[in-house]
Protein backbone atom coordinates (compact mmCIF):
# COMPACT_ATOMS: atom_id res chain seq x y z
CA UNK A 1 -4.82 67.34 -0.43
CA UNK A 2 -1.72 68.87 -2.03
CA UNK A 3 -1.83 70.20 -5.59
CA UNK A 4 -0.15 67.19 -7.20
CA UNK A 5 -2.66 64.81 -5.62
CA UNK A 6 -5.53 67.12 -6.59
CA UNK A 7 -4.43 67.28 -10.24
CA UNK A 8 -4.30 63.50 -10.39
CA UNK A 9 -7.69 63.22 -8.66
CA UNK A 10 -9.22 65.74 -11.07
CA UNK A 11 -8.20 63.62 -14.05
CA UNK A 12 -9.52 60.46 -12.41
CA UNK A 13 -12.81 62.14 -11.51
CA UNK A 14 -13.41 63.44 -15.04
CA UNK A 15 -12.29 60.17 -16.55
CA UNK A 16 -14.78 58.23 -14.41
CA UNK A 17 -17.79 60.22 -15.69
CA UNK A 18 -16.69 60.76 -19.31
CA UNK A 19 -18.24 61.73 -21.70
CA UNK A 20 -20.34 63.64 -19.17
CA UNK A 21 -18.94 66.87 -17.78
CA UNK A 22 -18.64 68.51 -14.37
CA UNK A 23 -18.69 72.25 -13.69
CA UNK A 24 -15.89 74.15 -11.96
CA UNK A 25 -18.26 74.82 -9.07
CA UNK A 26 -19.02 71.11 -8.64
CA UNK A 27 -15.34 70.23 -8.78
CA UNK A 28 -14.51 73.00 -6.33
CA UNK A 29 -17.04 71.67 -3.84
CA UNK A 30 -15.78 68.10 -4.29
CA UNK A 31 -12.13 69.05 -3.70
CA UNK A 32 -12.82 71.77 -1.13
CA UNK A 33 -11.09 74.57 -3.03
CA UNK A 34 -12.30 77.64 -4.93
CA UNK A 35 -13.67 77.50 -8.47
CA UNK A 36 -10.79 79.76 -9.51
CA UNK A 37 -8.29 77.19 -8.20
CA UNK A 38 -10.04 74.48 -10.24
CA UNK A 39 -9.84 76.64 -13.37
CA UNK A 40 -6.11 77.12 -12.83
CA UNK A 41 -5.66 73.37 -12.28
CA UNK A 42 -7.57 72.56 -15.48
CA UNK A 43 -5.44 75.01 -17.44
CA UNK A 44 -2.27 73.40 -16.07
CA UNK A 45 -3.54 69.93 -17.04
CA UNK A 46 -4.45 71.12 -20.54
CA UNK A 47 -1.01 72.67 -20.98
CA UNK A 48 0.57 69.37 -19.96
CA UNK A 49 -1.34 67.56 -22.72
CA UNK A 50 -4.32 66.08 -20.83
CA UNK A 51 -7.29 66.13 -23.29
CA UNK A 52 -9.71 68.15 -21.15
CA UNK A 53 -12.13 70.47 -22.93
CA UNK A 54 -14.87 72.86 -21.85
CA UNK A 55 -18.53 72.25 -22.69
CA UNK A 56 -20.36 75.60 -23.08
CA UNK A 57 -23.86 76.33 -21.81
CA UNK A 58 -25.78 76.38 -18.55
CA UNK A 59 -25.29 72.65 -18.05
CA UNK A 60 -21.76 72.68 -19.35
CA UNK A 61 -18.47 72.18 -17.60
CA UNK A 62 -15.24 70.29 -18.05
CA UNK A 63 -15.02 66.92 -19.76
CA UNK A 64 -12.19 64.61 -20.74
CA UNK A 65 -11.75 62.83 -24.05
CA UNK A 66 -13.71 59.58 -23.77
CA UNK A 67 -10.69 57.66 -25.05
CA UNK A 68 -9.41 58.12 -21.51
CA UNK A 69 -12.72 57.13 -19.92
CA UNK A 70 -13.39 54.01 -17.91
CA UNK A 71 -15.59 51.33 -19.50
CA UNK A 72 -18.99 50.75 -17.83
CA UNK A 73 -18.44 48.64 -14.73
CA UNK A 74 -20.37 45.45 -14.09
CA UNK A 75 -21.38 46.45 -10.57
CA UNK A 76 -25.06 46.02 -9.76
CA UNK A 77 -26.90 48.71 -7.77
CA UNK A 78 -27.02 46.34 -4.79
CA UNK A 79 -23.25 45.75 -4.99
CA UNK A 80 -22.55 49.49 -5.03
CA UNK A 81 -24.77 50.02 -1.98
CA UNK A 82 -23.09 47.07 -0.23
CA UNK A 83 -19.73 48.81 -0.63
CA UNK A 84 -21.21 52.04 0.75
CA UNK A 85 -22.67 50.22 3.77
CA UNK A 86 -19.32 48.58 4.50
CA UNK A 87 -17.59 51.97 4.33
CA UNK A 88 -20.16 53.61 6.60
CA UNK A 89 -19.64 50.91 9.22
CA UNK A 90 -15.87 51.29 9.10
CA UNK A 91 -15.88 54.86 10.42
CA UNK A 92 -12.70 56.93 10.35
CA UNK A 93 -10.28 54.22 9.36
CA UNK A 94 -6.91 54.57 7.61
CA UNK A 95 -7.38 55.40 3.91
CA UNK A 96 -11.06 56.11 4.57
CA UNK A 97 -11.04 59.22 2.37
CA UNK A 98 -9.44 57.28 -0.50
CA UNK A 99 -11.99 54.47 -0.10
CA UNK A 100 -14.88 56.94 -0.39
CA UNK A 101 -13.22 58.50 -3.43
CA UNK A 102 -12.96 55.04 -5.02
CA UNK A 103 -16.66 54.44 -4.38
CA UNK A 104 -17.59 57.72 -6.09
CA UNK A 105 -15.63 56.62 -9.16
CA UNK A 106 -17.40 53.24 -9.19
CA UNK A 107 -20.84 54.88 -9.13
CA UNK A 108 -19.89 57.57 -11.65
CA UNK A 109 -18.67 54.92 -14.12
CA UNK A 110 -21.86 52.83 -13.86
CA UNK A 111 -24.29 53.15 -16.79
CA UNK A 112 -26.77 55.97 -16.14
CA UNK A 113 -29.89 53.96 -15.22
CA UNK A 114 -27.89 51.60 -12.99
CA UNK A 115 -26.27 54.50 -11.17
CA UNK A 116 -29.66 56.17 -10.63
CA UNK A 117 -31.09 52.92 -9.26
CA UNK A 118 -28.10 52.54 -6.92
CA UNK A 119 -28.65 56.06 -5.58
CA UNK A 120 -32.36 55.40 -4.97
CA UNK A 121 -31.60 52.13 -3.16
CA UNK A 122 -28.93 53.88 -1.07
CA UNK A 123 -31.55 56.37 0.18
CA UNK A 124 -33.42 53.41 1.66
CA UNK A 125 -30.45 51.95 3.54
CA UNK A 126 -29.71 54.02 6.63
CA UNK A 127 -27.39 53.77 9.60
CA UNK A 128 -27.75 54.93 13.17
CA UNK A 129 -25.02 57.29 14.34
CA UNK A 130 -24.38 56.20 17.90
CA UNK A 131 -21.22 55.05 19.67
CA UNK A 132 -21.07 51.24 19.89
CA UNK A 133 -21.17 49.72 23.34
CA UNK A 134 -17.85 48.22 24.49
CA UNK A 135 -17.60 44.63 23.28
CA UNK A 136 -20.85 44.85 21.32
CA UNK A 137 -21.15 42.47 18.37
CA UNK A 138 -23.11 42.75 15.16
CA UNK A 139 -26.30 40.77 15.73
CA UNK A 140 -27.61 38.12 13.32
CA UNK A 141 -29.73 39.27 10.39
CA UNK A 142 -32.34 36.58 10.98
CA UNK A 143 -33.12 33.33 9.20
CA UNK A 144 -31.61 32.27 5.91
CA UNK A 145 -32.82 34.39 3.01
CA UNK A 146 -34.51 37.07 5.19
CA UNK A 147 -32.03 39.83 4.38
CA UNK A 148 -31.94 38.78 0.73
CA UNK A 149 -35.75 39.00 0.45
CA UNK A 150 -35.75 42.50 1.98
CA UNK A 151 -32.98 43.65 -0.36
CA UNK A 152 -34.93 42.37 -3.38
CA UNK A 153 -38.18 43.97 -2.20
CA UNK A 154 -36.47 47.33 -1.68
CA UNK A 155 -34.74 47.14 -5.05
CA UNK A 156 -37.85 46.09 -6.99
CA UNK A 157 -40.32 48.09 -4.82
CA UNK A 158 -42.41 45.00 -4.03
CA UNK A 159 -44.67 44.09 -1.10
CA UNK A 160 -43.15 41.67 1.42
CA UNK A 161 -45.00 38.90 3.26
CA UNK A 162 -43.56 38.38 6.74
CA UNK A 163 -43.99 35.94 9.61
CA UNK A 164 -42.97 38.08 12.58
CA UNK A 165 -42.54 37.29 16.27
CA UNK A 166 -43.06 40.03 18.85
CA UNK A 167 -41.02 40.40 22.05
CA UNK A 168 -43.13 37.67 23.71
CA UNK A 169 -42.69 35.26 20.80
CA UNK A 170 -46.24 35.55 19.42
CA UNK A 171 -46.13 35.01 15.65
CA UNK A 172 -48.23 36.98 13.15
CA UNK A 173 -48.32 36.96 9.36
CA UNK A 174 -48.52 40.33 7.67
CA UNK A 175 -47.96 42.07 4.34
CA UNK A 176 -45.70 45.12 4.52
CA UNK A 177 -44.47 47.81 2.15
CA UNK A 178 -40.71 48.12 2.82
CA UNK A 179 -39.38 51.64 3.24
CA UNK A 180 -35.97 51.68 4.93
CA UNK A 181 -33.34 49.12 5.86
CA UNK A 182 -31.96 50.49 9.15
CA UNK A 183 -28.79 49.25 10.81
CA UNK A 184 -26.42 49.99 13.61
CA UNK A 185 -28.54 50.45 16.74
CA UNK A 186 -27.37 47.94 19.33
CA UNK A 187 -25.80 45.94 16.53
CA UNK A 188 -29.23 44.98 15.16
CA UNK A 189 -30.73 45.58 11.72
CA UNK A 190 -34.34 46.65 11.28
CA UNK A 191 -36.88 46.93 8.48
CA UNK A 192 -39.01 50.08 8.65
CA UNK A 193 -42.16 49.39 6.64
CA UNK A 194 -45.83 50.24 6.22
CA UNK A 195 -47.68 47.38 7.92
CA UNK A 196 -51.03 46.63 6.32
CA UNK A 197 -52.16 44.67 9.39
CA UNK A 198 -51.65 47.71 11.67
CA UNK A 199 -52.33 50.30 8.92
CA UNK A 200 -49.29 52.27 10.05
CA UNK A 201 -45.49 52.37 9.92
CA UNK A 202 -43.84 49.67 12.02
CA UNK A 203 -40.22 48.73 12.79
CA UNK A 204 -39.35 45.03 12.46
CA UNK A 205 -36.17 43.60 13.97
CA UNK A 206 -34.61 41.18 11.52
CA UNK A 207 -33.77 38.45 14.00
CA UNK A 208 -37.49 38.24 14.87
CA UNK A 209 -38.60 37.69 11.27
CA UNK A 210 -39.24 33.96 10.91
CA UNK A 211 -39.93 34.04 7.16
CA UNK A 212 -40.02 36.61 4.36
CA UNK A 213 -41.12 36.30 0.76
CA UNK A 214 -41.34 38.85 -2.04
CA UNK A 215 -44.77 39.12 -3.65
CA UNK A 216 -45.53 40.22 -7.21
CA UNK A 217 -47.44 43.29 -5.98
CA UNK A 218 -45.73 46.63 -6.50
CA UNK A 219 -45.66 49.00 -3.53
CA UNK A 220 -47.66 52.22 -3.83
CA UNK A 221 -45.61 55.40 -3.75
CA UNK A 222 -45.12 56.67 -0.22
CA UNK A 223 -42.78 59.54 0.71
CA UNK A 224 -39.53 58.22 2.10
CA UNK A 225 -39.77 60.75 4.95
CA UNK A 226 -42.85 58.89 6.21
CA UNK A 227 -40.68 55.93 7.15
CA UNK A 228 -38.45 57.93 9.54
CA UNK A 229 -38.14 55.78 12.67
CA UNK A 230 -39.50 57.49 15.76
CA UNK A 231 -36.67 56.70 18.15
CA UNK A 232 -35.69 59.52 20.56
CA UNK A 233 -32.11 60.79 20.76
CA UNK A 234 -31.14 58.85 17.66
CA UNK A 235 -29.39 60.36 14.66
CA UNK A 236 -29.93 58.54 11.37
CA UNK A 237 -27.83 59.18 8.29
CA UNK A 238 -28.30 57.82 4.80
CA UNK A 239 -25.82 55.67 2.93
CA UNK A 240 -23.79 58.00 0.71
CA UNK A 241 -22.73 57.07 -2.81
CA UNK A 242 -21.61 60.51 -4.07
């Protein structure tokens, strides 16, 4: 990124999070330059009339006058994660860096609680990093409303009731505590969940779920790491919002 583009991006980044501030170190990491370079850039912007000011203290940093800030956006946490999933599937496409920058601004401009909820949901939507097979298609997500029920259960941290068919077609009904929505392997999507019938973590392929409904029961707290799918030679990465 050349200096002109970086100066513009600095203003946009600070404007997106106003009235909150960001430290020189955070900005340096974000723009892959030194903190000293950021300080020089901020000085140049201030001298040109951009209303950036320094907040003192351990949690201080640079902020921009909130008159230049973006209004809170009406994106839901699920919508923000949906954008992140779409970007993660696109790979290294033209304007990919700019698309990820736009997503960061969307999340930064969301009201605090909504942004925090979006980040928590994003941790539970993961993709498999593996090269797609030639000609491979994205497989169906299952019956109508299946994906929607899983999304709601993950967002609200509720127990799901599933009717699930195994590889031989045998159908069982079970209550599960959803942990991770996993996509990308072979074009299929999976739900990684604590299965109360088996009293252990199980991986459910979405196209084998015949029915899914969200119950009123809240899931107990289980460490997210406990839902890591045990698939050899598979690299899983989370959906990134920041």
